[in-house]
Amino acid sequence: MSFLSESIIKCEELRSTLPSLRASGRVEDLILYYERMLEIADRQATIYTRLRLIGDKDSTQVADEMLHAAEQLWGKHAAVDMIEFIGMMKEEVQMHIWALKGKG
């Protein structure tokens, strides 16, 4: 699980930078904020997929916890597949980036 551990650590490192980027109010920082959110979403999708593919009890439990967190924190509907949900989140984040860059 070394790859998964490294991915989780990287997600947390990226996530820890988000509050200061969002609070700065500078357009460049907001763009970086959303770009990091995209990277986090990509990593989350990879982590989730790998956990499901591993398929043992512990991995399945962690993947189920990711699903529960998405439902509780981000309003994911239970009928929506996790990877599809992450894809929808990424589309929304990309729209923010385009708007900030004046391309939307």
PDB file of N, CA and C in Angstrom:
ATOM      1  N   MET A   1       0.817  -1.201   0.000  1.00  0.00           N
ATOM      2  CA  MET A   1       0.000   0.000   0.000  1.00  0.00           C
ATOM      3  C   MET A   1       0.856   1.257   0.000  1.00  0.00           C
ATOM      4  N   SER A   2       2.082   1.149  -0.351  1.00  0.00           N
ATOM      5  CA  SER A   2       2.973   2.299  -0.352  1.00  0.00           C
ATOM      6  C   SER A   2       2.504   3.380  -1.318  1.00  0.00           C
ATOM      7  N   PHE A   3       2.080   2.996  -2.533  1.00  0.00           N
ATOM      8  CA  PHE A   3       1.575   3.982  -3.483  1.00  0.00           C
ATOM      9  C   PHE A   3       0.366   4.705  -2.911  1.00  0.00           C
ATOM     10  N   LEU A   4      -0.534   3.943  -2.292  1.00  0.00           N
ATOM     11  CA  LEU A   4      -1.728   4.558  -1.710  1.00  0.00           C
ATOM     12  C   LEU A   4      -1.357   5.505  -0.576  1.00  0.00           C
ATOM     13  N   SER A   5      -0.444   5.087   0.267  1.00  0.00           N
ATOM     14  CA  SER A   5      -0.010   5.944   1.372  1.00  0.00           C
ATOM     15  C   SER A   5       0.590   7.239   0.853  1.00  0.00           C
ATOM     16  N   GLU A   6       1.433   7.126  -0.153  1.00  0.00           N
ATOM     17  CA  GLU A   6       2.048   8.315  -0.743  1.00  0.00           C
ATOM     18  C   GLU A   6       0.990   9.224  -1.373  1.00  0.00           C
ATOM     19  N   SER A   7       0.006   8.640  -2.034  1.00  0.00           N
ATOM     20  CA  SER A   7      -1.054   9.428  -2.661  1.00  0.00           C
ATOM     21  C   SER A   7      -1.891  10.152  -1.613  1.00  0.00           C
ATOM     22  N   ILE A   8      -2.187   9.468  -0.530  1.00  0.00           N
ATOM     23  CA  ILE A   8      -2.974  10.075   0.541  1.00  0.00           C
ATOM     24  C   ILE A   8      -2.195  11.221   1.182  1.00  0.00           C
ATOM     25  N   ILE A   9      -0.920  11.009   1.422  1.00  0.00           N
ATOM     26  CA  ILE A   9      -0.082  12.067   2.004  1.00  0.00           C
ATOM     27  C   ILE A   9      -0.032  13.272   1.074  1.00  0.00           C
ATOM     28  N   LYS A  10       0.144  13.037  -0.230  1.00  0.00           N
ATOM     29  CA  LYS A  10       0.196  14.138  -1.193  1.00  0.00           C
ATOM     30  C   LYS A  10      -1.131  14.894  -1.227  1.00  0.00           C
ATOM     31  N   CYS A  11      -2.243  14.179  -1.163  1.00  0.00           N
ATOM     32  CA  CYS A  11      -3.553  14.833  -1.117  1.00  0.00           C
ATOM     33  C   CYS A  11      -3.666  15.741   0.102  1.00  0.00           C
ATOM     34  N   GLU A  12      -3.228  15.243   1.230  1.00  0.00           N
ATOM     35  CA  GLU A  12      -3.293  16.042   2.454  1.00  0.00           C
ATOM     36  C   GLU A  12      -2.384  17.256   2.373  1.00  0.00           C
ATOM     37  N   GLU A  13      -1.204  17.098   1.781  1.00  0.00           N
ATOM     38  CA  GLU A  13      -0.301  18.238   1.603  1.00  0.00           C
ATOM     39  C   GLU A  13      -0.962  19.295   0.718  1.00  0.00           C
ATOM     40  N   LEU A  14      -1.543  18.854  -0.389  1.00  0.00           N
ATOM     41  CA  LEU A  14      -2.227  19.791  -1.282  1.00  0.00           C
ATOM     42  C   LEU A  14      -3.402  20.447  -0.579  1.00  0.00           C
ATOM     43  N   ARG A  15      -4.182  19.646   0.124  1.00  0.00           N
ATOM     44  CA  ARG A  15      -5.362  20.162   0.821  1.00  0.00           C
ATOM     45  C   ARG A  15      -4.977  21.203   1.869  1.00  0.00           C
ATOM     46  N   SER A  16      -3.831  21.020   2.502  1.00  0.00           N
ATOM     47  CA  SER A  16      -3.418  21.962   3.556  1.00  0.00           C
ATOM     48  C   SER A  16      -3.081  23.345   3.005  1.00  0.00           C
ATOM     49  N   THR A  17      -2.789  23.438   1.696  1.00  0.00           N
ATOM     50  CA  THR A  17      -2.466  24.733   1.097  1.00  0.00           C
ATOM     51  C   THR A  17      -3.709  25.489   0.638  1.00  0.00           C
ATOM     52  N   LEU A  18      -4.845  24.827   0.561  1.00  0.00           N
ATOM     53  CA  LEU A  18      -6.044  25.439  -0.003  1.00  0.00           C
ATOM     54  C   LEU A  18      -6.564  26.648   0.773  1.00  0.00           C
ATOM     55  N   PRO A  19      -6.677  26.593   2.098  1.00  0.00           N
ATOM     56  CA  PRO A  19      -7.246  27.751   2.801  1.00  0.00           C
ATOM     57  C   PRO A  19      -6.494  29.064   2.553  1.00  0.00           C
ATOM     58  N   SER A  20      -5.175  29.030   2.585  1.00  0.00           N
ATOM     59  CA  SER A  20      -4.421  30.271   2.386  1.00  0.00           C
ATOM     60  C   SER A  20      -4.539  30.768   0.947  1.00  0.00           C
ATOM     61  N   LEU A  21      -4.593  29.856  -0.016  1.00  0.00           N
ATOM     62  CA  LEU A  21      -4.751  30.268  -1.409  1.00  0.00           C
ATOM     63  C   LEU A  21      -6.111  30.934  -1.630  1.00  0.00           C
ATOM     64  N   ARG A  22      -7.130  30.345  -1.061  1.00  0.00           N
ATOM     65  CA  ARG A  22      -8.479  30.900  -1.234  1.00  0.00           C
ATOM     66  C   ARG A  22      -8.626  32.230  -0.517  1.00  0.00           C
ATOM     67  N   ALA A  23      -7.995  32.354   0.647  1.00  0.00           N
ATOM     68  CA  ALA A  23      -8.138  33.567   1.456  1.00  0.00           C
ATOM     69  C   ALA A  23      -7.365  34.759   0.896  1.00  0.00           C
ATOM     70  N   SER A  24      -6.375  34.519   0.072  1.00  0.00           N
ATOM     71  CA  SER A  24      -5.525  35.610  -0.392  1.00  0.00           C
ATOM     72  C   SER A  24      -6.282  36.631  -1.237  1.00  0.00           C
ATOM     73  N   GLY A  25      -7.279  36.167  -1.988  1.00  0.00           N
ATOM     74  CA  GLY A  25      -8.045  37.081  -2.816  1.00  0.00           C
ATOM     75  C   GLY A  25      -7.401  37.413  -4.147  1.00  0.00           C
ATOM     76  N   ARG A  26      -6.168  36.992  -4.365  1.00  0.00           N
ATOM     77  CA  ARG A  26      -5.488  37.239  -5.638  1.00  0.00           C
ATOM     78  C   ARG A  26      -5.984  36.226  -6.672  1.00  0.00           C
ATOM     79  N   VAL A  27      -6.230  36.692  -7.884  1.00  0.00           N
ATOM     80  CA  VAL A  27      -6.725  35.827  -8.951  1.00  0.00           C
ATOM     81  C   VAL A  27      -5.763  34.670  -9.206  1.00  0.00           C
ATOM     82  N   GLU A  28      -4.460  34.955  -9.215  1.00  0.00           N
ATOM     83  CA  GLU A  28      -3.462  33.905  -9.451  1.00  0.00           C
ATOM     84  C   GLU A  28      -3.554  32.808  -8.393  1.00  0.00           C
ATOM     85  N   ASP A  29      -3.780  33.216  -7.153  1.00  0.00           N
ATOM     86  CA  ASP A  29      -3.906  32.234  -6.074  1.00  0.00           C
ATOM     87  C   ASP A  29      -5.201  31.443  -6.186  1.00  0.00           C
ATOM     88  N   LEU A  30      -6.276  32.097  -6.627  1.00  0.00           N
ATOM     89  CA  LEU A  30      -7.534  31.371  -6.823  1.00  0.00           C
ATOM     90  C   LEU A  30      -7.411  30.350  -7.949  1.00  0.00           C
ATOM     91  N   ILE A  31      -6.703  30.715  -9.005  1.00  0.00           N
ATOM     92  CA  ILE A  31      -6.473  29.757 -10.089  1.00  0.00           C
ATOM     93  C   ILE A  31      -5.669  28.572  -9.563  1.00  0.00           C
ATOM     94  N   LEU A  32      -4.624  28.851  -8.794  1.00  0.00           N
ATOM     95  CA  LEU A  32      -3.822  27.774  -8.209  1.00  0.00           C
ATOM     96  C   LEU A  32      -4.661  26.924  -7.254  1.00  0.00           C
ATOM     97  N   TYR A  33      -5.536  27.566  -6.499  1.00  0.00           N
ATOM     98  CA  TYR A  33      -6.457  26.862  -5.596  1.00  0.00           C
ATOM     99  C   TYR A  33      -7.273  25.832  -6.377  1.00  0.00           C
ATOM    100  N   TYR A  34      -7.888  26.275  -7.477  1.00  0.00           N
ATOM    101  CA  TYR A  34      -8.709  25.360  -8.264  1.00  0.00           C
ATOM    102  C   TYR A  34      -7.870  24.310  -8.988  1.00  0.00           C
ATOM    103  N   GLU A  35      -6.676  24.668  -9.440  1.00  0.00           N
ATOM    104  CA  GLU A  35      -5.805  23.676 -10.068  1.00  0.00           C
ATOM    105  C   GLU A  35      -5.406  22.592  -9.071  1.00  0.00           C
ATOM    106  N   ARG A  36      -5.160  22.994  -7.843  1.00  0.00           N
ATOM    107  CA  ARG A  36      -4.837  21.990  -6.818  1.00  0.00           C
ATOM    108  C   ARG A  36      -6.048  21.132  -6.503  1.00  0.00           C
ATOM    109  N   MET A  37      -7.235  21.721  -6.537  1.00  0.00           N
ATOM    110  CA  MET A  37      -8.440  20.921  -6.327  1.00  0.00           C
ATOM    111  C   MET A  37      -8.578  19.867  -7.423  1.00  0.00           C
ATOM    112  N   LEU A  38      -8.241  20.237  -8.658  1.00  0.00           N
ATOM    113  CA  LEU A  38      -8.266  19.248  -9.749  1.00  0.00           C
ATOM    114  C   LEU A  38      -7.280  18.120  -9.488  1.00  0.00           C
ATOM    115  N   GLU A  39      -6.083  18.478  -9.048  1.00  0.00           N
ATOM    116  CA  GLU A  39      -5.084  17.444  -8.748  1.00  0.00           C
ATOM    117  C   GLU A  39      -5.556  16.534  -7.620  1.00  0.00           C
ATOM    118  N   ILE A  40      -6.154  17.132  -6.599  1.00  0.00           N
ATOM    119  CA  ILE A  40      -6.686  16.330  -5.491  1.00  0.00           C
ATOM    120  C   ILE A  40      -7.773  15.387  -6.009  1.00  0.00           C
ATOM    121  N   ALA A  41      -8.672  15.891  -6.843  1.00  0.00           N
ATOM    122  CA  ALA A  41      -9.747  15.056  -7.382  1.00  0.00           C
ATOM    123  C   ALA A  41      -9.185  13.888  -8.192  1.00  0.00           C
ATOM    124  N   ASP A  42      -8.167  14.157  -9.015  1.00  0.00           N
ATOM    125  CA  ASP A  42      -7.524  13.073  -9.774  1.00  0.00           C
ATOM    126  C   ASP A  42      -6.939  12.026  -8.831  1.00  0.00           C
ATOM    127  N   ARG A  43      -6.259  12.492  -7.813  1.00  0.00           N
ATOM    128  CA  ARG A  43      -5.646  11.562  -6.857  1.00  0.00           C
ATOM    129  C   ARG A  43      -6.713  10.779  -6.094  1.00  0.00           C
ATOM    130  N   GLN A  44      -7.801  11.459  -5.722  1.00  0.00           N
ATOM    131  CA  GLN A  44      -8.885  10.780  -5.009  1.00  0.00           C
ATOM    132  C   GLN A  44      -9.493   9.676  -5.876  1.00  0.00           C
ATOM    133  N   ALA A  45      -9.684   9.958  -7.163  1.00  0.00           N
ATOM    134  CA  ALA A  45     -10.233   8.946  -8.065  1.00  0.00           C
ATOM    135  C   ALA A  45      -9.294   7.744  -8.161  1.00  0.00           C
ATOM    136  N   THR A  46      -7.999   8.008  -8.251  1.00  0.00           N
ATOM    137  CA  THR A  46      -7.017   6.925  -8.336  1.00  0.00           C
ATOM    138  C   THR A  46      -7.004   6.107  -7.049  1.00  0.00           C
ATOM    139  N   ILE A  47      -7.014   6.796  -5.918  1.00  0.00           N
ATOM    140  CA  ILE A  47      -7.021   6.102  -4.625  1.00  0.00           C
ATOM    141  C   ILE A  47      -8.262   5.227  -4.510  1.00  0.00           C
ATOM    142  N   TYR A  48      -9.417   5.802  -4.813  1.00  0.00           N
ATOM    143  CA  TYR A  48     -10.673   5.062  -4.705  1.00  0.00           C
ATOM    144  C   TYR A  48     -10.656   3.826  -5.609  1.00  0.00           C
ATOM    145  N   THR A  49     -10.238   4.007  -6.851  1.00  0.00           N
ATOM    146  CA  THR A  49     -10.203   2.891  -7.800  1.00  0.00           C
ATOM    147  C   THR A  49      -9.262   1.796  -7.319  1.00  0.00           C
ATOM    148  N   ARG A  50      -8.091   2.172  -6.879  1.00  0.00           N
ATOM    149  CA  ARG A  50      -7.132   1.158  -6.405  1.00  0.00           C
ATOM    150  C   ARG A  50      -7.663   0.418  -5.186  1.00  0.00           C
ATOM    151  N   LEU A  51      -8.294   1.146  -4.272  1.00  0.00           N
ATOM    152  CA  LEU A  51      -8.864   0.477  -3.095  1.00  0.00           C
ATOM    153  C   LEU A  51      -9.911  -0.549  -3.507  1.00  0.00           C
ATOM    154  N   ARG A  52     -10.763  -0.182  -4.449  1.00  0.00           N
ATOM    155  CA  ARG A  52     -11.790  -1.114  -4.922  1.00  0.00           C
ATOM    156  C   ARG A  52     -11.154  -2.315  -5.633  1.00  0.00           C
ATOM    157  N   LEU A  53     -10.096  -2.072  -6.390  1.00  0.00           N
ATOM    158  CA  LEU A  53      -9.443  -3.171  -7.099  1.00  0.00           C
ATOM    159  C   LEU A  53      -8.715  -4.116  -6.150  1.00  0.00           C
ATOM    160  N   ILE A  54      -8.132  -3.564  -5.085  1.00  0.00           N
ATOM    161  CA  ILE A  54      -7.466  -4.423  -4.099  1.00  0.00           C
ATOM    162  C   ILE A  54      -8.497  -5.374  -3.501  1.00  0.00           C
ATOM    163  N   GLY A  55      -9.643  -4.822  -3.120  1.00  0.00           N
ATOM    164  CA  GLY A  55     -10.794  -5.631  -2.753  1.00  0.00           C
ATOM    165  C   GLY A  55     -10.748  -6.375  -1.435  1.00  0.00           C
ATOM    166  N   ASP A  56      -9.670  -6.246  -0.654  1.00  0.00           N
ATOM    167  CA  ASP A  56      -9.693  -6.923   0.640  1.00  0.00           C
ATOM    168  C   ASP A  56     -10.572  -6.136   1.617  1.00  0.00           C
ATOM    169  N   LYS A  57     -10.782  -6.687   2.778  1.00  0.00           N
ATOM    170  CA  LYS A  57     -11.706  -6.096   3.744  1.00  0.00           C
ATOM    171  C   LYS A  57     -11.299  -4.671   4.127  1.00  0.00           C
ATOM    172  N   ASP A  58     -10.036  -4.454   4.436  1.00  0.00           N
ATOM    173  CA  ASP A  58      -9.575  -3.126   4.852  1.00  0.00           C
ATOM    174  C   ASP A  58      -9.706  -2.106   3.729  1.00  0.00           C
ATOM    175  N   SER A  59      -9.308  -2.494   2.528  1.00  0.00           N
ATOM    176  CA  SER A  59      -9.384  -1.584   1.386  1.00  0.00           C
ATOM    177  C   SER A  59     -10.824  -1.223   1.064  1.00  0.00           C
ATOM    178  N   THR A  60     -11.698  -2.207   1.100  1.00  0.00           N
ATOM    179  CA  THR A  60     -13.111  -1.968   0.844  1.00  0.00           C
ATOM    180  C   THR A  60     -13.702  -1.043   1.888  1.00  0.00           C
ATOM    181  N   GLN A  61     -13.291  -1.218   3.140  1.00  0.00           N
ATOM    182  CA  GLN A  61     -13.788  -0.358   4.209  1.00  0.00           C
ATOM    183  C   GLN A  61     -13.356   1.099   3.992  1.00  0.00           C
ATOM    184  N   VAL A  62     -12.112   1.318   3.603  1.00  0.00           N
ATOM    185  CA  VAL A  62     -11.626   2.675   3.344  1.00  0.00           C
ATOM    186  C   VAL A  62     -12.375   3.282   2.158  1.00  0.00           C
ATOM    187  N   ALA A  63     -12.592   2.508   1.094  1.00  0.00           N
ATOM    188  CA  ALA A  63     -13.342   3.006  -0.065  1.00  0.00           C
ATOM    189  C   ALA A  63     -14.771   3.365   0.344  1.00  0.00           C
ATOM    190  N   ASP A  64     -15.382   2.534   1.188  1.00  0.00           N
ATOM    191  CA  ASP A  64     -16.731   2.832   1.681  1.00  0.00           C
ATOM    192  C   ASP A  64     -16.740   4.115   2.507  1.00  0.00           C
ATOM    193  N   GLU A  65     -15.680   4.340   3.283  1.00  0.00           N
ATOM    194  CA  GLU A  65     -15.576   5.572   4.065  1.00  0.00           C
ATOM    195  C   GLU A  65     -15.434   6.788   3.147  1.00  0.00           C
ATOM    196  N   MET A  66     -14.722   6.623   2.033  1.00  0.00           N
ATOM    197  CA  MET A  66     -14.617   7.708   1.054  1.00  0.00           C
ATOM    198  C   MET A  66     -15.996   8.039   0.475  1.00  0.00           C
ATOM    199  N   LEU A  67     -16.776   7.000   0.168  1.00  0.00           N
ATOM    200  CA  LEU A  67     -18.132   7.206  -0.336  1.00  0.00           C
ATOM    201  C   LEU A  67     -18.983   7.955   0.678  1.00  0.00           C
ATOM    202  N   HIS A  68     -18.920   7.515   1.921  1.00  0.00           N
ATOM    203  CA  HIS A  68     -19.700   8.140   2.990  1.00  0.00           C
ATOM    204  C   HIS A  68     -19.309   9.607   3.155  1.00  0.00           C
ATOM    205  N   ALA A  69     -18.018   9.891   3.126  1.00  0.00           N
ATOM    206  CA  ALA A  69     -17.545  11.271   3.258  1.00  0.00           C
ATOM    207  C   ALA A  69     -18.056  12.127   2.104  1.00  0.00           C
ATOM    208  N   ALA A  70     -18.034  11.588   0.896  1.00  0.00           N
ATOM    209  CA  ALA A  70     -18.525  12.333  -0.264  1.00  0.00           C
ATOM    210  C   ALA A  70     -20.011  12.645  -0.129  1.00  0.00           C
ATOM    211  N   GLU A  71     -20.751  11.693   0.413  1.00  0.00           N
ATOM    212  CA  GLU A  71     -22.182  11.905   0.612  1.00  0.00           C
ATOM    213  C   GLU A  71     -22.439  12.940   1.696  1.00  0.00           C
ATOM    214  N   GLN A  72     -21.692  12.859   2.780  1.00  0.00           N
ATOM    215  CA  GLN A  72     -21.908  13.762   3.913  1.00  0.00           C
ATOM    216  C   GLN A  72     -21.353  15.161   3.672  1.00  0.00           C
ATOM    217  N   LEU A  73     -20.152  15.256   3.116  1.00  0.00           N
ATOM    218  CA  LEU A  73     -19.478  16.541   2.985  1.00  0.00           C
ATOM    219  C   LEU A  73     -19.820  17.291   1.712  1.00  0.00           C
ATOM    220  N   TRP A  74     -20.040  16.549   0.616  1.00  0.00           N
ATOM    221  CA  TRP A  74     -20.206  17.200  -0.681  1.00  0.00           C
ATOM    222  C   TRP A  74     -21.554  16.950  -1.322  1.00  0.00           C
ATOM    223  N   GLY A  75     -22.434  16.258  -0.637  1.00  0.00           N
ATOM    224  CA  GLY A  75     -23.773  16.048  -1.155  1.00  0.00           C
ATOM    225  C   GLY A  75     -23.886  15.043  -2.283  1.00  0.00           C
ATOM    226  N   LYS A  76     -22.933  14.105  -2.344  1.00  0.00           N
ATOM    227  CA  LYS A  76     -23.013  13.060  -3.375  1.00  0.00           C
ATOM    228  C   LYS A  76     -24.270  12.236  -3.147  1.00  0.00           C
ATOM    229  N   HIS A  77     -25.048  12.054  -4.196  1.00  0.00           N
ATOM    230  CA  HIS A  77     -26.235  11.217  -4.104  1.00  0.00           C
ATOM    231  C   HIS A  77     -25.803   9.756  -4.139  1.00  0.00           C
ATOM    232  N   ALA A  78     -26.437   8.935  -3.332  1.00  0.00           N
ATOM    233  CA  ALA A  78     -26.050   7.522  -3.211  1.00  0.00           C
ATOM    234  C   ALA A  78     -26.114   6.780  -4.544  1.00  0.00           C
ATOM    235  N   ALA A  79     -26.990   7.211  -5.456  1.00  0.00           N
ATOM    236  CA  ALA A  79     -27.139   6.509  -6.731  1.00  0.00           C
ATOM    237  C   ALA A  79     -26.042   6.872  -7.737  1.00  0.00           C
ATOM    238  N   VAL A  80     -25.242   7.890  -7.444  1.00  0.00           N
ATOM    239  CA  VAL A  80     -24.201   8.330  -8.370  1.00  0.00           C
ATOM    240  C   VAL A  80     -22.901   7.597  -8.048  1.00  0.00           C
ATOM    241  N   ASP A  81     -22.299   7.018  -9.082  1.00  0.00           N
ATOM    242  CA  ASP A  81     -21.014   6.335  -8.947  1.00  0.00           C
ATOM    243  C   ASP A  81     -19.947   7.325  -8.466  1.00  0.00           C
ATOM    244  N   MET A  82     -19.039   6.879  -7.633  1.00  0.00           N
ATOM    245  CA  MET A  82     -18.009   7.745  -7.069  1.00  0.00           C
ATOM    246  C   MET A  82     -17.133   8.377  -8.152  1.00  0.00           C
ATOM    247  N   ILE A  83     -16.707   7.605  -9.131  1.00  0.00           N
ATOM    248  CA  ILE A  83     -15.855   8.136 -10.191  1.00  0.00           C
ATOM    249  C   ILE A  83     -16.630   9.159 -11.023  1.00  0.00           C
ATOM    250  N   GLU A  84     -17.900   8.895 -11.275  1.00  0.00           N
ATOM    251  CA  GLU A  84     -18.739   9.860 -11.988  1.00  0.00           C
ATOM    252  C   GLU A  84     -18.886  11.145 -11.164  1.00  0.00           C
ATOM    253  N   PHE A  85     -19.062  11.005  -9.866  1.00  0.00           N
ATOM    254  CA  PHE A  85     -19.181  12.162  -8.983  1.00  0.00           C
ATOM    255  C   PHE A  85     -17.909  13.006  -9.004  1.00  0.00           C
ATOM    256  N   ILE A  86     -16.761  12.352  -8.927  1.00  0.00           N
ATOM    257  CA  ILE A  86     -15.493  13.078  -8.981  1.00  0.00           C
ATOM    258  C   ILE A  86     -15.360  13.789 -10.326  1.00  0.00           C
ATOM    259  N   GLY A  87     -15.777  13.135 -11.394  1.00  0.00           N
ATOM    260  CA  GLY A  87     -15.753  13.760 -12.716  1.00  0.00           C
ATOM    261  C   GLY A  87     -16.616  15.014 -12.771  1.00  0.00           C
ATOM    262  N   MET A  88     -17.787  14.970 -12.158  1.00  0.00           N
ATOM    263  CA  MET A  88     -18.660  16.140 -12.119  1.00  0.00           C
ATOM    264  C   MET A  88     -18.014  17.267 -11.310  1.00  0.00           C
ATOM    265  N   MET A  89     -17.380  16.905 -10.209  1.00  0.00           N
ATOM    266  CA  MET A  89     -16.685  17.909  -9.404  1.00  0.00           C
ATOM    267  C   MET A  89     -15.574  18.568 -10.222  1.00  0.00           C
ATOM    268  N   LYS A  90     -14.837  17.753 -10.957  1.00  0.00           N
ATOM    269  CA  LYS A  90     -13.736  18.282 -11.770  1.00  0.00           C
ATOM    270  C   LYS A  90     -14.254  19.240 -12.845  1.00  0.00           C
ATOM    271  N   GLU A  91     -15.382  18.909 -13.463  1.00  0.00           N
ATOM    272  CA  GLU A  91     -15.963  19.798 -14.469  1.00  0.00           C
ATOM    273  C   GLU A  91     -16.314  21.149 -13.858  1.00  0.00           C
ATOM    274  N   GLU A  92     -16.900  21.117 -12.665  1.00  0.00           N
ATOM    275  CA  GLU A  92     -17.263  22.361 -11.985  1.00  0.00           C
ATOM    276  C   GLU A  92     -16.018  23.187 -11.642  1.00  0.00           C
ATOM    277  N   VAL A  93     -14.983  22.523 -11.149  1.00  0.00           N
ATOM    278  CA  VAL A  93     -13.740  23.218 -10.819  1.00  0.00           C
ATOM    279  C   VAL A  93     -13.123  23.812 -12.084  1.00  0.00           C
ATOM    280  N   GLN A  94     -13.144  23.069 -13.181  1.00  0.00           N
ATOM    281  CA  GLN A  94     -12.579  23.563 -14.432  1.00  0.00           C
ATOM    282  C   GLN A  94     -13.324  24.806 -14.906  1.00  0.00           C
ATOM    283  N   MET A  95     -14.632  24.851 -14.703  1.00  0.00           N
ATOM    284  CA  MET A  95     -15.403  26.034 -15.083  1.00  0.00           C
ATOM    285  C   MET A  95     -14.947  27.260 -14.292  1.00  0.00           C
ATOM    286  N   HIS A  96     -14.636  27.057 -13.012  1.00  0.00           N
ATOM    287  CA  HIS A  96     -14.119  28.171 -12.199  1.00  0.00           C
ATOM    288  C   HIS A  96     -12.780  28.656 -12.741  1.00  0.00           C
ATOM    289  N   ILE A  97     -11.921  27.717 -13.120  1.00  0.00           N
ATOM    290  CA  ILE A  97     -10.618  28.099 -13.671  1.00  0.00           C
ATOM    291  C   ILE A  97     -10.800  28.900 -14.952  1.00  0.00           C
ATOM    292  N   TRP A  98     -11.657  28.420 -15.849  1.00  0.00           N
ATOM    293  CA  TRP A  98     -11.879  29.124 -17.110  1.00  0.00           C
ATOM    294  C   TRP A  98     -12.431  30.529 -16.851  1.00  0.00           C
ATOM    295  N   ALA A  99     -13.367  30.631 -15.893  1.00  0.00           N
ATOM    296  CA  ALA A  99     -13.944  31.944 -15.577  1.00  0.00           C
ATOM    297  C   ALA A  99     -12.864  32.888 -15.052  1.00  0.00           C
ATOM    298  N   LEU A 100     -12.000  32.387 -14.183  1.00  0.00           N
ATOM    299  CA  LEU A 100     -10.936  33.231 -13.630  1.00  0.00           C
ATOM    300  C   LEU A 100      -9.917  33.641 -14.682  1.00  0.00           C
ATOM    301  N   LYS A 101      -9.699  32.765 -15.660  1.00  0.00           N
ATOM    302  CA  LYS A 101      -8.754  33.076 -16.728  1.00  0.00           C
ATOM    303  C   LYS A 101      -9.417  33.852 -17.865  1.00  0.00           C
ATOM    304  N   GLY A 102     -10.731  34.083 -17.726  1.00  0.00           N
ATOM    305  CA  GLY A 102     -11.446  34.832 -18.744  1.00  0.00           C
ATOM    306  C   GLY A 102     -11.775  34.038 -19.985  1.00  0.00           C
ATOM    307  N   LYS A 103     -11.855  32.711 -19.834  1.00  0.00           N
ATOM    308  CA  LYS A 103     -12.140  31.853 -20.990  1.00  0.00           C
ATOM    309  C   LYS A 103     -13.517  31.216 -20.899  1.00  0.00           C
ATOM    310  N   GLY A 104     -14.291  31.582 -19.892  1.00  0.00           N
ATOM    311  CA  GLY A 104     -15.550  30.887 -19.698  1.00  0.00           C
ATOM    312  C   GLY A 104     -16.770  31.619 -20.053  1.00  0.00           C
TER     313      GLY A 104
END
